[in-house]
Amino acid sequence: MKIRRSVLGLAAIAAFAFAAVGPASAQGAYPERPITMVVPFPAGGSTDLVARVVAEKMSQDLGQQIVVDNRGGAGGNVGAAAAAKADPDGYTILMGTVATHALNPALYKKMPYDPVKDFAPISLLVVVPNVLVVNPDFPAHSVAELIALLKAKPGEYSYASSGNGTPLHLSGELFKTMAGVDMVHVPYKGAGPALIDVMGGHVPIMFDNLPSSTEHIKAGKLRGLAVTTAERAPSMPDLPTIAESGLPGYETYTWNALFAPAGTPPDVIAKLNEAALQALADPDVQAKLQGFGAQVKGSTPNELAAHVRAELAKWAPVVKTSGAQID
């Protein structure tokens, strides 16, 4: 109900913004052509899954196709920078994440964009738990068994992530610090390739977003040990949290949100926000997102702006403590 009420409220905001902008917007009804949604990670990962579900429904509501454009690289920086530099006309939008808008500014010495100044927030979409998984043949069947194994054989086992400095990498580093264990980090260019190698037995352990691992866990191709959020995930209630499995206070997660280049007209932002909230309010979209572990949120542009500022403040000290930095 909260999301549906937000849709009505944003519809009013969109109407007001259209009236306020006036003749400049009267040149044509937006959108008049397909919209590109830049996903700054390869296909197959959590961000890609969320993007495709939301884009499909938004396309129906807007009357124009939203084309997903996967542009992976540099922990999301390549795609985010491309979106930031696009024309601010509403025809290029970004599926941003905690990596592109909170972690990378603390990790990278040189950023190709400013996460606040270079983007116009549209809407927060979902919050996504991370999950600790292992290959089904790996001897550990619980977090406690994994910690015991890693302590017995320090540095002998490796864990995969979707890339250096990603939320999944930092999930692993936080785990190592809190558990007092040593694992070798193996970064990949996205969650998709990493999952393939973990399921193939090339790397035994991985921290992944729950959405991209859910079906593999259900199919027995991965063994889920625990989720990284403070509470269990409703989609997989039998999986304990890492915090309740021997590491009290452990918590990491990611999120997805829509952004446009800074300078995009307010009426266009309002229309995109309305379409995003309508998509999130759709029962089929909710079922798909919740089915692979994503927790549906939704927000106004101002609420997303405040969220980004809070996340930047939260993650900067975590990154500093981890010692992770990328040139």
C-alpha atoms as a PDB file:
ATOM      1  CA  MET A   1       0.000   0.000   0.000  1.00  0.00           C
ATOM      2  CA  LYS A   2       2.827   2.387   0.781  1.00  0.00           C
ATOM      3  CA  ILE A   3       4.293   2.021  -2.692  1.00  0.00           C
ATOM      4  CA  ARG A   4       0.906   2.492  -4.333  1.00  0.00           C
ATOM      5  CA  ARG A   5       0.310   5.697  -2.375  1.00  0.00           C
ATOM      6  CA  SER A   6       3.738   6.880  -3.450  1.00  0.00           C
ATOM      7  CA  VAL A   7       2.798   6.282  -7.081  1.00  0.00           C
ATOM      8  CA  LEU A   8      -0.211   8.574  -6.710  1.00  0.00           C
ATOM      9  CA  GLY A   9       1.888  11.201  -4.981  1.00  0.00           C
ATOM     10  CA  LEU A  10       4.584  11.120  -7.648  1.00  0.00           C
ATOM     11  CA  ALA A  11       1.958  11.346 -10.368  1.00  0.00           C
ATOM     12  CA  ALA A  12       0.923  14.668  -8.862  1.00  0.00           C
ATOM     13  CA  ILE A  13       4.560  15.789  -8.661  1.00  0.00           C
ATOM     14  CA  ALA A  14       5.079  14.830 -12.295  1.00  0.00           C
ATOM     15  CA  ALA A  15       2.046  16.845 -13.344  1.00  0.00           C
ATOM     16  CA  PHE A  16       3.240  19.839 -11.342  1.00  0.00           C
ATOM     17  CA  ALA A  17       6.759  19.601 -12.786  1.00  0.00           C
ATOM     18  CA  PHE A  18       5.367  19.420 -16.323  1.00  0.00           C
ATOM     19  CA  ALA A  19       3.319  22.554 -15.738  1.00  0.00           C
ATOM     20  CA  ALA A  20       6.287  24.321 -14.165  1.00  0.00           C
ATOM     21  CA  VAL A  21       8.664  23.544 -17.024  1.00  0.00           C
ATOM     22  CA  GLY A  22       6.104  24.708 -19.572  1.00  0.00           C
ATOM     23  CA  PRO A  23       6.867  25.280 -23.263  1.00  0.00           C
ATOM     24  CA  ALA A  24      10.271  23.590 -23.203  1.00  0.00           C
ATOM     25  CA  SER A  25       8.557  20.269 -22.483  1.00  0.00           C
ATOM     26  CA  ALA A  26       5.714  20.930 -24.898  1.00  0.00           C
ATOM     27  CA  GLN A  27       7.966  20.257 -27.881  1.00  0.00           C
ATOM     28  CA  GLY A  28       7.208  16.572 -27.553  1.00  0.00           C
ATOM     29  CA  ALA A  29       5.743  14.104 -25.119  1.00  0.00           C
ATOM     30  CA  TYR A  30       8.536  12.211 -23.347  1.00  0.00           C
ATOM     31  CA  PRO A  31       9.480   9.544 -24.174  1.00  0.00           C
ATOM     32  CA  GLU A  32       9.389   9.652 -27.963  1.00  0.00           C
ATOM     33  CA  ARG A  33      11.979   6.920 -28.543  1.00  0.00           C
ATOM     34  CA  PRO A  34      13.611   3.977 -26.738  1.00  0.00           C
ATOM     35  CA  ILE A  35      15.480   4.602 -23.471  1.00  0.00           C
ATOM     36  CA  THR A  36      18.848   3.042 -22.634  1.00  0.00           C
ATOM     37  CA  MET A  37      19.284   1.688 -19.111  1.00  0.00           C
ATOM     38  CA  VAL A  38      23.001   1.304 -18.443  1.00  0.00           C
ATOM     39  CA  VAL A  39      23.785  -1.625 -16.143  1.00  0.00           C
ATOM     40  CA  PRO A  40      27.403  -1.184 -15.024  1.00  0.00           C
ATOM     41  CA  PHE A  41      28.017  -4.917 -14.578  1.00  0.00           C
ATOM     42  CA  PRO A  42      27.962  -7.953 -16.901  1.00  0.00           C
ATOM     43  CA  ALA A  43      24.794  -9.929 -17.590  1.00  0.00           C
ATOM     44  CA  GLY A  44      23.809 -12.624 -15.107  1.00  0.00           C
ATOM     45  CA  GLY A  45      24.446 -10.827 -11.846  1.00  0.00           C
ATOM     46  CA  SER A  46      22.003  -9.408  -9.332  1.00  0.00           C
ATOM     47  CA  THR A  47      21.984  -5.876 -10.747  1.00  0.00           C
ATOM     48  CA  ASP A  48      21.285  -7.205 -14.232  1.00  0.00           C
ATOM     49  CA  LEU A  49      18.392  -9.354 -12.975  1.00  0.00           C
ATOM     50  CA  VAL A  50      16.760  -6.438 -11.153  1.00  0.00           C
ATOM     51  CA  ALA A  51      17.284  -4.166 -14.162  1.00  0.00           C
ATOM     52  CA  ARG A  52      15.601  -6.508 -16.626  1.00  0.00           C
ATOM     53  CA  VAL A  53      12.563  -7.131 -14.430  1.00  0.00           C
ATOM     54  CA  VAL A  54      12.021  -3.415 -13.766  1.00  0.00           C
ATOM     55  CA  ALA A  55      12.866  -2.303 -17.325  1.00  0.00           C
ATOM     56  CA  GLU A  56      10.303  -4.643 -18.853  1.00  0.00           C
ATOM     57  CA  LYS A  57       7.445  -3.241 -16.777  1.00  0.00           C
ATOM     58  CA  MET A  58       8.585   0.383 -17.128  1.00  0.00           C
ATOM     59  CA  SER A  59       8.677  -0.093 -20.904  1.00  0.00           C
ATOM     60  CA  GLN A  60       5.022  -1.093 -20.864  1.00  0.00           C
ATOM     61  CA  ASP A  61       4.018   1.884 -18.728  1.00  0.00           C
ATOM     62  CA  LEU A  62       6.048   4.450 -20.703  1.00  0.00           C
ATOM     63  CA  GLY A  63       5.091   3.138 -24.119  1.00  0.00           C
ATOM     64  CA  GLN A  64       8.730   2.944 -25.238  1.00  0.00           C
ATOM     65  CA  GLN A  65      11.222   0.135 -24.890  1.00  0.00           C
ATOM     66  CA  ILE A  66      13.903   0.420 -22.215  1.00  0.00           C
ATOM     67  CA  VAL A  67      16.990  -1.313 -23.594  1.00  0.00           C
ATOM     68  CA  VAL A  68      19.393  -2.770 -21.021  1.00  0.00           C
ATOM     69  CA  ASP A  69      23.004  -1.971 -21.904  1.00  0.00           C
ATOM     70  CA  ASN A  70      25.548  -3.967 -19.874  1.00  0.00           C
ATOM     71  CA  ARG A  71      28.793  -2.006 -19.522  1.00  0.00           C
ATOM     72  CA  GLY A  72      30.958  -3.746 -16.949  1.00  0.00           C
ATOM     73  CA  GLY A  73      34.385  -2.732 -15.726  1.00  0.00           C
ATOM     74  CA  ALA A  74      36.200  -1.031 -12.829  1.00  0.00           C
ATOM     75  CA  GLY A  75      33.672  -2.162 -10.235  1.00  0.00           C
ATOM     76  CA  GLY A  76      30.842  -0.352 -12.015  1.00  0.00           C
ATOM     77  CA  ASN A  77      32.755   2.856 -12.733  1.00  0.00           C
ATOM     78  CA  VAL A  78      32.887   2.365 -16.512  1.00  0.00           C
ATOM     79  CA  GLY A  79      29.130   2.130 -16.952  1.00  0.00           C
ATOM     80  CA  ALA A  80      28.350   4.781 -14.342  1.00  0.00           C
ATOM     81  CA  ALA A  81      30.752   7.239 -15.974  1.00  0.00           C
ATOM     82  CA  ALA A  82      29.211   6.607 -19.391  1.00  0.00           C
ATOM     83  CA  ALA A  83      25.750   7.335 -17.995  1.00  0.00           C
ATOM     84  CA  ALA A  84      26.949  10.460 -16.174  1.00  0.00           C
ATOM     85  CA  LYS A  85      28.377  11.857 -19.427  1.00  0.00           C
ATOM     86  CA  ALA A  86      25.295  11.062 -21.521  1.00  0.00           C
ATOM     87  CA  ASP A  87      22.959  13.797 -22.728  1.00  0.00           C
ATOM     88  CA  PRO A  88      20.631  14.811 -19.865  1.00  0.00           C
ATOM     89  CA  ASP A  89      17.493  14.245 -21.908  1.00  0.00           C
ATOM     90  CA  GLY A  90      16.016  11.204 -20.169  1.00  0.00           C
ATOM     91  CA  TYR A  91      17.055   8.737 -22.842  1.00  0.00           C
ATOM     92  CA  THR A  92      19.988   7.337 -20.858  1.00  0.00           C
ATOM     93  CA  ILE A  93      19.499   6.231 -17.262  1.00  0.00           C
ATOM     94  CA  LEU A  94      21.693   4.246 -14.877  1.00  0.00           C
ATOM     95  CA  MET A  95      20.959   1.252 -12.690  1.00  0.00           C
ATOM     96  CA  GLY A  96      23.154   2.436  -9.837  1.00  0.00           C
ATOM     97  CA  THR A  97      24.287   0.383  -6.869  1.00  0.00           C
ATOM     98  CA  VAL A  98      25.952   0.712  -3.491  1.00  0.00           C
ATOM     99  CA  ALA A  99      29.206   0.162  -5.401  1.00  0.00           C
ATOM    100  CA  THR A 100      28.796   2.980  -7.927  1.00  0.00           C
ATOM    101  CA  HIS A 101      27.405   5.511  -5.453  1.00  0.00           C
ATOM    102  CA  ALA A 102      28.890   4.638  -2.047  1.00  0.00           C
ATOM    103  CA  LEU A 103      31.847   2.244  -2.143  1.00  0.00           C
ATOM    104  CA  ASN A 104      33.820   3.272  -5.219  1.00  0.00           C
ATOM    105  CA  PRO A 105      34.326   6.899  -4.107  1.00  0.00           C
ATOM    106  CA  ALA A 106      36.118   5.534  -1.039  1.00  0.00           C
ATOM    107  CA  LEU A 107      37.991   2.807  -2.915  1.00  0.00           C
ATOM    108  CA  TYR A 108      39.325   4.527  -6.012  1.00  0.00           C
ATOM    109  CA  LYS A 109      42.004   7.208  -5.860  1.00  0.00           C
ATOM    110  CA  LYS A 110      40.637   8.726  -9.068  1.00  0.00           C
ATOM    111  CA  MET A 111      36.910   8.660  -9.824  1.00  0.00           C
ATOM    112  CA  PRO A 112      35.573   9.356 -13.344  1.00  0.00           C
ATOM    113  CA  TYR A 113      32.415  10.918 -11.904  1.00  0.00           C
ATOM    114  CA  ASP A 114      30.985  12.467  -8.741  1.00  0.00           C
ATOM    115  CA  PRO A 115      28.229  10.244  -7.285  1.00  0.00           C
ATOM    116  CA  VAL A 116      26.268  13.266  -6.042  1.00  0.00           C
ATOM    117  CA  LYS A 117      26.971  16.144  -8.435  1.00  0.00           C
ATOM    118  CA  ASP A 118      26.896  14.166 -11.704  1.00  0.00           C
ATOM    119  CA  PHE A 119      23.539  12.412 -11.236  1.00  0.00           C
ATOM    120  CA  ALA A 120      19.880  13.250 -10.799  1.00  0.00           C
ATOM    121  CA  PRO A 121      18.272  10.661  -8.475  1.00  0.00           C
ATOM    122  CA  ILE A 122      15.111   8.938  -9.737  1.00  0.00           C
ATOM    123  CA  SER A 123      14.136   6.214  -7.259  1.00  0.00           C
ATOM    124  CA  LEU A 124      15.539   3.620  -4.888  1.00  0.00           C
ATOM    125  CA  LEU A 125      14.312   0.237  -6.154  1.00  0.00           C
ATOM    126  CA  VAL A 126      15.421  -2.665  -3.970  1.00  0.00           C
ATOM    127  CA  VAL A 127      17.714  -3.666  -1.131  1.00  0.00           C
ATOM    128  CA  VAL A 128      19.474  -6.959  -1.791  1.00  0.00           C
ATOM    129  CA  PRO A 129      20.986  -9.351   0.769  1.00  0.00           C
ATOM    130  CA  ASN A 130      24.328 -10.939   0.012  1.00  0.00           C
ATOM    131  CA  VAL A 131      24.902 -14.636   0.598  1.00  0.00           C
ATOM    132  CA  LEU A 132      27.870 -16.832   1.472  1.00  0.00           C
ATOM    133  CA  VAL A 133      27.930 -19.866  -0.829  1.00  0.00           C
ATOM    134  CA  VAL A 134      30.294 -22.758  -1.453  1.00  0.00           C
ATOM    135  CA  ASN A 135      30.664 -25.446  -4.081  1.00  0.00           C
ATOM    136  CA  PRO A 136      28.461 -28.460  -3.156  1.00  0.00           C
ATOM    137  CA  ASP A 137      31.556 -30.667  -2.804  1.00  0.00           C
ATOM    138  CA  PHE A 138      33.237 -28.295  -0.337  1.00  0.00           C
ATOM    139  CA  PRO A 139      33.528 -29.937   3.119  1.00  0.00           C
ATOM    140  CA  ALA A 140      32.022 -27.037   5.144  1.00  0.00           C
ATOM    141  CA  HIS A 141      28.237 -27.231   5.691  1.00  0.00           C
ATOM    142  CA  SER A 142      27.908 -24.217   8.015  1.00  0.00           C
ATOM    143  CA  VAL A 143      29.624 -20.933   8.835  1.00  0.00           C
ATOM    144  CA  ALA A 144      31.128 -22.497  11.961  1.00  0.00           C
ATOM    145  CA  GLU A 145      32.588 -25.379   9.930  1.00  0.00           C
ATOM    146  CA  LEU A 146      33.935 -22.939   7.345  1.00  0.00           C
ATOM    147  CA  ILE A 147      35.659 -20.817   9.984  1.00  0.00           C
ATOM    148  CA  ALA A 148      37.169 -23.919  11.593  1.00  0.00           C
ATOM    149  CA  LEU A 149      38.440 -25.142   8.219  1.00  0.00           C
ATOM    150  CA  LEU A 150      39.935 -21.759   7.315  1.00  0.00           C
ATOM    151  CA  LYS A 151      41.670 -21.501  10.694  1.00  0.00           C
ATOM    152  CA  ALA A 152      43.103 -24.990  10.300  1.00  0.00           C
ATOM    153  CA  LYS A 153      44.445 -24.207   6.819  1.00  0.00           C
ATOM    154  CA  PRO A 154      45.133 -20.438   6.643  1.00  0.00           C
ATOM    155  CA  GLY A 155      45.604 -19.061   3.142  1.00  0.00           C
ATOM    156  CA  GLU A 156      44.890 -22.410   1.493  1.00  0.00           C
ATOM    157  CA  TYR A 157      41.383 -21.597   0.247  1.00  0.00           C
ATOM    158  CA  SER A 158      40.191 -18.824  -2.038  1.00  0.00           C
ATOM    159  CA  TYR A 159      36.932 -16.947  -2.395  1.00  0.00           C
ATOM    160  CA  ALA A 160      35.432 -15.345  -5.475  1.00  0.00           C
ATOM    161  CA  SER A 161      33.703 -11.989  -5.842  1.00  0.00           C
ATOM    162  CA  SER A 162      32.312  -9.888  -8.672  1.00  0.00           C
ATOM    163  CA  GLY A 163      35.389  -7.642  -8.625  1.00  0.00           C
ATOM    164  CA  ASN A 164      37.871  -5.656  -6.570  1.00  0.00           C
ATOM    165  CA  GLY A 165      36.175  -3.208  -4.231  1.00  0.00           C
ATOM    166  CA  THR A 166      32.656  -4.486  -4.864  1.00  0.00           C
ATOM    167  CA  PRO A 167      30.210  -5.050  -1.982  1.00  0.00           C
ATOM    168  CA  LEU A 168      30.902  -8.758  -2.357  1.00  0.00           C
ATOM    169  CA  HIS A 169      34.662  -8.267  -2.040  1.00  0.00           C
ATOM    170  CA  LEU A 170      34.145  -6.152   1.068  1.00  0.00           C
ATOM    171  CA  SER A 171      31.744  -8.755   2.456  1.00  0.00           C
ATOM    172  CA  GLY A 172      34.594 -11.248   2.239  1.00  0.00           C
ATOM    173  CA  GLU A 173      37.154  -8.891   3.765  1.00  0.00           C
ATOM    174  CA  LEU A 174      34.823  -8.063   6.654  1.00  0.00           C
ATOM    175  CA  PHE A 175      34.263 -11.800   7.196  1.00  0.00           C
ATOM    176  CA  LYS A 176      38.016 -12.427   7.278  1.00  0.00           C
ATOM    177  CA  THR A 177      38.573  -9.637   9.788  1.00  0.00           C
ATOM    178  CA  MET A 178      35.730 -10.557  12.128  1.00  0.00           C
ATOM    179  CA  ALA A 179      36.388 -14.319  11.982  1.00  0.00           C
ATOM    180  CA  GLY A 180      40.163 -14.007  12.170  1.00  0.00           C
ATOM    181  CA  VAL A 181      40.718 -16.183   9.101  1.00  0.00           C
ATOM    182  CA  ASP A 182      42.755 -15.939   5.912  1.00  0.00           C
ATOM    183  CA  MET A 183      41.374 -16.527   2.400  1.00  0.00           C
ATOM    184  CA  VAL A 184      42.761 -15.526  -0.991  1.00  0.00           C
ATOM    185  CA  HIS A 185      40.511 -13.117  -2.886  1.00  0.00           C
ATOM    186  CA  VAL A 186      39.867 -13.966  -6.553  1.00  0.00           C
ATOM    187  CA  PRO A 187      38.138 -11.032  -8.300  1.00  0.00           C
ATOM    188  CA  TYR A 188      36.065 -11.540 -11.447  1.00  0.00           C
ATOM    189  CA  LYS A 189      34.518  -9.139 -13.943  1.00  0.00           C
ATOM    190  CA  GLY A 190      31.015  -9.594 -12.607  1.00  0.00           C
ATOM    191  CA  ALA A 191      29.075 -12.149 -10.597  1.00  0.00           C
ATOM    192  CA  GLY A 192      28.123 -14.256 -13.629  1.00  0.00           C
ATOM    193  CA  PRO A 193      31.644 -15.474 -14.477  1.00  0.00           C
ATOM    194  CA  ALA A 194      32.467 -15.926 -10.786  1.00  0.00           C
ATOM    195  CA  LEU A 195      29.424 -18.133 -10.222  1.00  0.00           C
ATOM    196  CA  ILE A 196      30.401 -20.337 -13.172  1.00  0.00           C
ATOM    197  CA  ASP A 197      33.818 -21.013 -11.650  1.00  0.00           C
ATOM    198  CA  VAL A 198      32.436 -21.668  -8.167  1.00  0.00           C
ATOM    199  CA  MET A 199      29.865 -24.113  -9.511  1.00  0.00           C
ATOM    200  CA  GLY A 200      32.625 -25.682 -11.601  1.00  0.00           C
ATOM    201  CA  GLY A 201      34.804 -26.174  -8.540  1.00  0.00           C
ATOM    202  CA  HIS A 202      37.614 -23.845  -9.624  1.00  0.00           C
ATOM    203  CA  VAL A 203      37.080 -21.541  -6.616  1.00  0.00           C
ATOM    204  CA  PRO A 204      35.347 -23.108  -3.587  1.00  0.00           C
ATOM    205  CA  ILE A 205      33.813 -20.087  -1.807  1.00  0.00           C
ATOM    206  CA  MET A 206      31.957 -16.960  -2.892  1.00  0.00           C
ATOM    207  CA  PHE A 207      30.126 -13.968  -1.509  1.00  0.00           C
ATOM    208  CA  ASP A 208      27.330 -13.174  -3.967  1.00  0.00           C
ATOM    209  CA  ASN A 209      24.130 -11.171  -4.155  1.00  0.00           C
ATOM    210  CA  LEU A 210      21.289 -13.463  -3.134  1.00  0.00           C
ATOM    211  CA  PRO A 211      19.240 -12.911  -6.351  1.00  0.00           C
ATOM    212  CA  SER A 212      21.875 -14.319  -8.696  1.00  0.00           C
ATOM    213  CA  SER A 213      22.602 -17.331  -6.454  1.00  0.00           C
ATOM    214  CA  THR A 214      19.051 -18.270  -5.430  1.00  0.00           C
ATOM    215  CA  GLU A 215      18.170 -20.573  -8.312  1.00  0.00           C
ATOM    216  CA  HIS A 216      21.601 -22.244  -8.184  1.00  0.00           C
ATOM    217  CA  ILE A 217      21.130 -22.915  -4.462  1.00  0.00           C
ATOM    218  CA  LYS A 218      17.663 -24.358  -5.055  1.00  0.00           C
ATOM    219  CA  ALA A 219      19.017 -26.525  -7.880  1.00  0.00           C
ATOM    220  CA  GLY A 220      21.822 -27.888  -5.693  1.00  0.00           C
ATOM    221  CA  LYS A 221      24.561 -26.316  -7.815  1.00  0.00           C
ATOM    222  CA  LEU A 222      25.645 -24.186  -4.863  1.00  0.00           C
ATOM    223  CA  ARG A 223      25.396 -24.707  -1.105  1.00  0.00           C
ATOM    224  CA  GLY A 224      24.170 -21.646   0.742  1.00  0.00           C
ATOM    225  CA  LEU A 225      25.725 -21.215   4.180  1.00  0.00           C
ATOM    226  CA  ALA A 226      24.258 -17.897   5.359  1.00  0.00           C
ATOM    227  CA  VAL A 227      22.959 -14.484   4.310  1.00  0.00           C
ATOM    228  CA  THR A 228      24.853 -11.327   5.206  1.00  0.00           C
ATOM    229  CA  THR A 229      21.974  -9.132   6.374  1.00  0.00           C
ATOM    230  CA  ALA A 230      21.014  -8.632  10.026  1.00  0.00           C
ATOM    231  CA  GLU A 231      17.799 -10.609   9.495  1.00  0.00           C
ATOM    232  CA  ARG A 232      17.054 -13.729   7.468  1.00  0.00           C
ATOM    233  CA  ALA A 233      15.868 -13.260   3.893  1.00  0.00           C
ATOM    234  CA  PRO A 234      12.107 -13.931   3.472  1.00  0.00           C
ATOM    235  CA  SER A 235      12.791 -15.716   0.179  1.00  0.00           C
ATOM    236  CA  MET A 236      15.101 -18.256   1.874  1.00  0.00           C
ATOM    237  CA  PRO A 237      14.065 -18.383   5.547  1.00  0.00           C
ATOM    238  CA  ASP A 238      15.998 -21.594   6.227  1.00  0.00           C
ATOM    239  CA  LEU A 239      19.318 -19.855   5.569  1.00  0.00           C
ATOM    240  CA  PRO A 240      20.708 -18.401   8.824  1.00  0.00           C
ATOM    241  CA  THR A 241      22.480 -15.063   8.997  1.00  0.00           C
ATOM    242  CA  ILE A 242      26.237 -14.871   9.427  1.00  0.00           C
ATOM    243  CA  ALA A 243      25.588 -12.830  12.576  1.00  0.00           C
ATOM    244  CA  GLU A 244      23.596 -15.636  14.183  1.00  0.00           C
ATOM    245  CA  SER A 245      26.114 -18.228  12.983  1.00  0.00           C
ATOM    246  CA  GLY A 246      29.019 -17.089  15.110  1.00  0.00           C
ATOM    247  CA  LEU A 247      29.870 -13.544  14.015  1.00  0.00           C
ATOM    248  CA  PRO A 248      27.562 -11.184  15.965  1.00  0.00           C
ATOM    249  CA  GLY A 249      27.293  -7.755  14.369  1.00  0.00           C
ATOM    250  CA  TYR A 250      28.234  -8.900  10.870  1.00  0.00           C
ATOM    251  CA  GLU A 251      26.067  -7.182   8.228  1.00  0.00           C
ATOM    252  CA  THR A 252      26.487  -6.259   4.564  1.00  0.00           C
ATOM    253  CA  TYR A 253      24.053  -5.767   1.701  1.00  0.00           C
ATOM    254  CA  THR A 254      23.648  -3.972  -1.601  1.00  0.00           C
ATOM    255  CA  TRP A 255      20.939  -1.915  -3.238  1.00  0.00           C
ATOM    256  CA  ASN A 256      19.794  -0.834  -6.664  1.00  0.00           C
ATOM    257  CA  ALA A 257      18.474   2.567  -7.678  1.00  0.00           C
ATOM    258  CA  LEU A 258      17.780   4.534 -10.847  1.00  0.00           C
ATOM    259  CA  PHE A 259      19.690   7.709 -11.718  1.00  0.00           C
ATOM    260  CA  ALA A 260      19.782  10.066 -14.701  1.00  0.00           C
ATOM    261  CA  PRO A 261      22.579  12.424 -15.740  1.00  0.00           C
ATOM    262  CA  ALA A 262      22.619  15.684 -13.803  1.00  0.00           C
ATOM    263  CA  GLY A 263      20.631  18.370 -15.584  1.00  0.00           C
ATOM    264  CA  THR A 264      17.846  16.053 -16.736  1.00  0.00           C
ATOM    265  CA  PRO A 265      14.588  18.120 -16.733  1.00  0.00           C
ATOM    266  CA  PRO A 266      12.472  17.783 -13.575  1.00  0.00           C
ATOM    267  CA  ASP A 267       9.380  16.701 -15.507  1.00  0.00           C
ATOM    268  CA  VAL A 268      11.355  13.849 -17.090  1.00  0.00           C
ATOM    269  CA  ILE A 269      12.689  12.773 -13.688  1.00  0.00           C
ATOM    270  CA  ALA A 270       9.137  12.840 -12.301  1.00  0.00           C
ATOM    271  CA  LYS A 271       7.837  10.701 -15.163  1.00  0.00           C
ATOM    272  CA  LEU A 272      10.631   8.156 -14.746  1.00  0.00           C
ATOM    273  CA  ASN A 273      10.038   8.081 -10.982  1.00  0.00           C
ATOM    274  CA  GLU A 274       6.336   7.499 -11.516  1.00  0.00           C
ATOM    275  CA  ALA A 275       7.051   4.658 -13.978  1.00  0.00           C
ATOM    276  CA  ALA A 276       9.562   3.082 -11.577  1.00  0.00           C
ATOM    277  CA  LEU A 277       7.097   3.166  -8.680  1.00  0.00           C
ATOM    278  CA  GLN A 278       4.328   1.771 -10.864  1.00  0.00           C
ATOM    279  CA  ALA A 279       6.643  -1.085 -11.837  1.00  0.00           C
ATOM    280  CA  LEU A 280       7.503  -1.795  -8.186  1.00  0.00           C
ATOM    281  CA  ALA A 281       3.804  -1.758  -7.268  1.00  0.00           C
ATOM    282  CA  ASP A 282       3.002  -4.410  -9.883  1.00  0.00           C
ATOM    283  CA  PRO A 283       2.299  -7.794  -8.223  1.00  0.00           C
ATOM    284  CA  ASP A 284       4.168  -9.752 -10.907  1.00  0.00           C
ATOM    285  CA  VAL A 285       7.241  -7.539 -10.578  1.00  0.00           C
ATOM    286  CA  GLN A 286       7.121  -7.816  -6.789  1.00  0.00           C
ATOM    287  CA  ALA A 287       6.826 -11.602  -7.008  1.00  0.00           C
ATOM    288  CA  LYS A 288       9.831 -11.850  -9.333  1.00  0.00           C
ATOM    289  CA  LEU A 289      12.008  -9.526  -7.252  1.00  0.00           C
ATOM    290  CA  GLN A 290      11.044 -11.086  -3.934  1.00  0.00           C
ATOM    291  CA  GLY A 291      11.420 -14.551  -5.450  1.00  0.00           C
ATOM    292  CA  PHE A 292      15.167 -14.125  -5.749  1.00  0.00           C
ATOM    293  CA  GLY A 293      15.641 -12.256  -2.484  1.00  0.00           C
ATOM    294  CA  ALA A 294      15.347  -8.581  -3.378  1.00  0.00           C
ATOM    295  CA  GLN A 295      13.374  -6.470  -0.900  1.00  0.00           C
ATOM    296  CA  VAL A 296      11.188  -3.972  -2.789  1.00  0.00           C
ATOM    297  CA  LYS A 297      11.547  -0.354  -1.635  1.00  0.00           C
ATOM    298  CA  GLY A 298      10.790   2.631  -3.881  1.00  0.00           C
ATOM    299  CA  SER A 299      11.354   6.305  -3.044  1.00  0.00           C
ATOM    300  CA  THR A 300      11.064   9.889  -4.166  1.00  0.00           C
ATOM    301  CA  PRO A 301      14.101  11.477  -5.864  1.00  0.00           C
ATOM    302  CA  ASN A 302      14.827  13.480  -2.694  1.00  0.00           C
ATOM    303  CA  GLU A 303      14.681  10.352  -0.551  1.00  0.00           C
ATOM    304  CA  LEU A 304      17.175   8.639  -2.862  1.00  0.00           C
ATOM    305  CA  ALA A 305      19.473  11.664  -2.684  1.00  0.00           C
ATOM    306  CA  ALA A 306      19.420  11.464   1.125  1.00  0.00           C
ATOM    307  CA  HIS A 307      20.025   7.694   0.946  1.00  0.00           C
ATOM    308  CA  VAL A 308      23.133   8.181  -1.202  1.00  0.00           C
ATOM    309  CA  ARG A 309      24.571  10.768   1.201  1.00  0.00           C
ATOM    310  CA  ALA A 310      23.954   8.442   4.159  1.00  0.00           C
ATOM    311  CA  GLU A 311      25.542   5.475   2.376  1.00  0.00           C
ATOM    312  CA  LEU A 312      28.628   7.481   1.450  1.00  0.00           C
ATOM    313  CA  ALA A 313      29.068   8.402   5.117  1.00  0.00           C
ATOM    314  CA  LYS A 314      28.456   4.829   6.285  1.00  0.00           C
ATOM    315  CA  TRP A 315      30.785   2.941   3.938  1.00  0.00           C
ATOM    316  CA  ALA A 316      33.799   5.268   3.874  1.00  0.00           C
ATOM    317  CA  PRO A 317      35.068   4.134   7.312  1.00  0.00           C
ATOM    318  CA  VAL A 318      34.323   0.473   6.478  1.00  0.00           C
ATOM    319  CA  VAL A 319      36.435   0.694   3.347  1.00  0.00           C
ATOM    320  CA  LYS A 320      39.217   2.451   5.253  1.00  0.00           C
ATOM    321  CA  THR A 321      39.226  -0.210   7.965  1.00  0.00           C
ATOM    322  CA  SER A 322      39.362  -2.990   5.356  1.00  0.00           C
ATOM    323  CA  GLY A 323      42.496  -1.461   3.839  1.00  0.00           C
ATOM    324  CA  ALA A 324      41.107  -1.946   0.344  1.00  0.00           C
ATOM    325  CA  GLN A 325      42.101   0.671  -2.207  1.00  0.00           C
ATOM    326  CA  ILE A 326      42.278   0.645  -5.977  1.00  0.00           C
ATOM    327  CA  ASP A 327      44.504   2.862  -8.121  1.00  0.00           C
END
